[in-house]
Protein backbone atom coordinates (compact mmCIF):
# COMPACT_ATOMS: atom_id res chain seq x y z
CA MET A 1 6.90 -19.47 -6.03
CA PRO A 2 8.56 -16.62 -3.86
CA ILE A 3 11.31 -14.86 -4.38
CA LYS A 4 14.09 -14.66 -1.80
CA ASP A 5 16.81 -11.93 -0.43
CA PHE A 6 20.22 -13.07 -1.18
CA GLN A 7 23.02 -13.91 0.88
CA PHE A 8 26.24 -11.57 0.48
CA MET A 9 28.81 -13.59 -2.04
CA GLU A 10 25.93 -15.83 -2.92
CA SER A 11 25.12 -16.50 -6.77
CA PRO A 12 21.87 -16.72 -8.00
CA THR A 13 21.07 -19.44 -10.64
CA ALA A 14 19.29 -18.45 -13.66
CA ALA A 15 15.99 -19.19 -12.70
CA ASP A 16 16.15 -17.07 -9.38
CA PHE A 17 17.74 -13.94 -11.64
CA ASN A 18 14.50 -14.72 -13.80
CA ARG A 19 12.50 -14.73 -10.87
CA TYR A 20 13.67 -11.87 -8.92
CA PHE A 21 13.08 -9.48 -12.05
CA MET A 22 9.81 -11.22 -13.34
CA GLN A 23 7.81 -10.74 -9.74
CA GLN A 24 8.97 -7.60 -8.75
CA ILE A 25 7.44 -4.29 -9.94
CA PHE A 26 9.38 -0.94 -9.06
CA ILE A 27 7.12 2.11 -9.72
CA ARG A 28 9.03 5.87 -9.44
CA LYS A 29 7.27 9.09 -9.19
CA THR A 30 8.83 11.23 -11.81
CA ALA A 31 7.27 15.11 -11.06
CA ASP A 32 6.10 17.06 -7.28
CA GLU A 33 2.48 16.97 -7.40
CA SER A 34 0.86 19.19 -5.26
CA VAL A 35 -2.82 19.63 -3.39
CA THR A 36 -3.98 22.86 -2.05
CA ASN A 37 -7.08 23.61 0.32
CA SER A 38 -8.34 20.21 -0.17
CA ASN A 39 -8.83 17.22 2.38
CA VAL A 40 -10.50 15.42 -1.04
CA ILE A 41 -8.59 11.94 -1.24
CA GLN A 42 -7.36 11.95 -5.14
CA ASP A 43 -5.52 9.42 -6.93
CA ASP A 44 -1.62 9.69 -7.27
CA ASN A 45 -0.65 10.37 -10.72
CA HIS A 46 2.28 8.24 -10.77
CA LEU A 47 2.48 5.56 -8.17
CA PHE A 48 -0.06 2.45 -9.49
CA THR A 49 0.40 -0.63 -11.16
CA ASP A 50 -1.71 -3.22 -12.22
CA VAL A 51 -1.95 -6.19 -10.00
CA VAL A 52 -3.19 -9.61 -10.80
CA ALA A 53 -6.30 -11.75 -9.39
CA ASN A 54 -5.83 -13.84 -6.58
CA THR A 55 -2.05 -13.17 -5.73
CA ASP A 56 -0.45 -11.78 -2.78
CA TYR A 57 2.20 -9.07 -2.98
CA TRP A 58 4.62 -7.45 -0.28
CA VAL A 59 4.26 -3.51 -0.71
CA THR A 60 7.04 -0.95 0.34
CA SER A 61 6.54 2.15 -0.76
CA PHE A 62 8.61 5.22 0.14
CA ILE A 63 6.66 9.07 0.20
CA ILE A 64 8.62 11.89 0.13
CA TYR A 65 6.81 14.60 1.21
CA GLU A 66 6.28 18.03 2.25
CA GLY A 67 3.65 20.64 3.53
CA ALA A 68 2.51 23.09 6.26
CA ALA A 69 4.32 23.51 9.56
CA ASN A 70 1.51 22.32 12.19
CA THR A 71 1.82 25.57 14.01
CA ASP A 72 0.51 27.29 10.56
CA PRO A 73 -2.36 29.51 11.45
CA ASN A 74 -4.09 28.17 8.38
CA GLY A 75 -3.34 24.51 9.51
CA GLY A 76 -1.10 22.02 8.97
CA GLY A 77 -2.08 20.48 5.88
CA GLU A 78 -0.34 17.39 6.72
CA LEU A 79 -0.40 13.97 4.22
CA TRP A 80 -3.73 12.22 4.09
CA MET A 81 -2.64 8.62 2.85
CA SER A 82 -5.16 6.25 1.49
CA TRP A 83 -4.68 3.11 -0.62
CA GLN A 84 -7.01 1.33 -3.50
CA ALA A 85 -6.91 -2.38 -4.53
CA PRO A 86 -9.16 -3.91 -6.71
CA SER A 87 -12.93 -5.18 -5.05
CA GLY A 88 -12.39 -8.51 -2.95
CA SER A 89 -8.48 -7.01 -2.02
CA THR A 90 -7.13 -7.22 1.63
CA PHE A 91 -3.95 -4.79 2.19
CA ASP A 92 -2.40 -4.64 6.14
CA TRP A 93 0.14 -2.45 5.96
CA VAL A 94 2.30 -0.15 8.65
CA SER A 95 2.15 3.24 8.29
CA ASP A 96 5.42 4.53 9.26
CA SER A 97 5.59 7.99 9.11
CA PHE A 98 5.68 11.29 11.57
CA GLY A 99 2.45 11.96 13.30
CA THR A 100 0.51 15.07 13.07
CA ASN A 101 1.35 16.94 16.01
CA ALA A 102 5.42 16.65 14.65
CA ALA A 103 7.24 20.03 15.45
CA SER A 104 10.43 18.65 13.39
CA ALA A 105 11.41 16.41 11.10
CA VAL A 106 12.76 14.27 14.15
CA GLU A 107 9.73 14.04 16.60
CA ILE A 108 6.96 11.84 16.79
CA VAL A 109 6.62 8.83 14.75
CA SER A 110 3.14 6.69 13.68
CA ARG A 111 3.85 3.55 13.24
CA THR A 112 0.45 1.67 13.42
CA HIS A 113 -1.57 -1.41 12.00
CA GLN A 114 -3.45 0.38 8.95
CA GLN A 115 -5.88 -1.91 6.86
CA LEU A 116 -7.33 -1.26 3.11
CA ALA A 117 -9.68 1.23 4.11
CA SER A 118 -7.26 3.20 6.69
CA THR A 119 -6.57 6.62 6.03
CA PRO A 120 -3.52 8.01 8.41
CA ALA A 121 -2.36 11.03 8.52
CA ALA A 122 1.05 12.24 8.17
CA GLY A 123 2.66 15.57 9.79
CA THR A 124 4.44 18.36 8.04
CA VAL A 125 6.86 20.79 9.32
CA GLY A 126 7.01 23.04 6.67
CA LEU A 127 7.53 23.86 3.13
CA GLY A 128 11.56 22.68 2.20
CA THR A 129 11.73 20.45 4.51
CA ASN A 130 11.34 16.60 3.08
CA LEU A 131 9.61 14.16 4.79
CA THR A 132 8.98 10.39 4.24
CA ALA A 133 6.57 7.75 4.55
CA MET A 134 7.58 4.50 4.60
CA CYS A 135 4.24 2.13 4.19
CA LYS A 136 4.62 -1.32 4.17
CA GLY A 137 2.69 -4.68 3.90
CA VAL A 138 0.82 -7.29 2.56
CA LEU A 139 -1.37 -7.22 -0.48
CA SER A 140 -3.88 -10.01 -1.12
CA VAL A 141 -5.88 -9.25 -4.09
CA GLY A 142 -8.72 -11.29 -4.57
CA PRO A 143 -10.93 -12.73 -7.58
CA ASN A 144 -10.59 -9.72 -9.46
CA PRO A 145 -7.59 -7.97 -11.14
CA GLY A 146 -7.37 -4.37 -11.45
CA VAL A 147 -4.84 -1.60 -10.37
CA PHE A 148 -3.40 -0.92 -7.15
CA ARG A 149 -2.65 2.63 -6.20
CA PHE A 150 -1.50 5.16 -3.51
CA ARG A 151 -4.17 8.22 -3.12
CA TRP A 152 -3.85 11.03 -1.14
CA ALA A 153 -4.77 14.74 0.35
CA GLN A 154 -3.95 17.19 2.92
CA PHE A 155 -5.97 15.88 6.14
CA THR A 156 -6.22 19.92 7.34
CA PRO A 157 -6.90 21.97 4.07
CA ASN A 158 -4.76 24.65 3.77
CA ALA A 159 -5.17 27.68 1.41
CA SER A 160 -1.87 29.45 0.95
CA VAL A 161 0.50 26.20 1.26
CA SER A 162 0.09 23.16 -0.43
CA THR A 163 0.95 19.82 0.71
CA ARG A 164 3.06 18.33 -1.96
CA VAL A 165 4.25 14.38 -2.72
CA LYS A 166 7.83 14.56 -4.23
CA ALA A 167 9.41 12.96 -7.37
CA ASN A 168 11.48 10.14 -6.47
CA SER A 169 8.68 8.64 -4.21
CA CYS A 170 8.32 4.79 -5.08
CA LEU A 171 6.06 2.11 -4.72
CA ILE A 172 7.76 -1.63 -4.97
CA LEU A 173 5.40 -4.77 -4.87
CA ARG A 174 7.02 -8.24 -4.92
CA ARG A 175 4.90 -11.18 -5.90
CA LEU A 176 4.62 -13.74 -3.44
CA THR A 177 2.56 -16.00 -5.04
CA THR A 178 2.44 -17.50 -8.51
């Protein structure tokens, strides 16, 4: 049974309370991670979890990142995002982030439908300016259990400025089916 969102002043039952905590997974990134001069997608060191076969999850992620400005002569760096799930799984999600042509933290937002194999890029505007990507969607795990993970790299390799996924980024999965 899916869990519900509780209304203001609503008292959850003991069963609701147990279901809420038993069907939610929260992973927080505990340290910054850097990639320099590489557009080879790699596994994030923290943002991953085991998922159950034949189960649907509502996935929300809050990715805090920074990198070179898109005007950097060595390339913008950017954040190239991807997800990996067990064989037979699907993931329909939206990449809600700054576009690769953003010149400041308030310009050009990319909100496009993605699938498990998609690899959209999120723009960066310079070191010291944290940006966020709010990826969210429905993960349907097929017949194989396994690991669901965030993967990333620089979209444009930059040898002098790292792209960083920052501590306190998080991944939340809410189980929709039992």
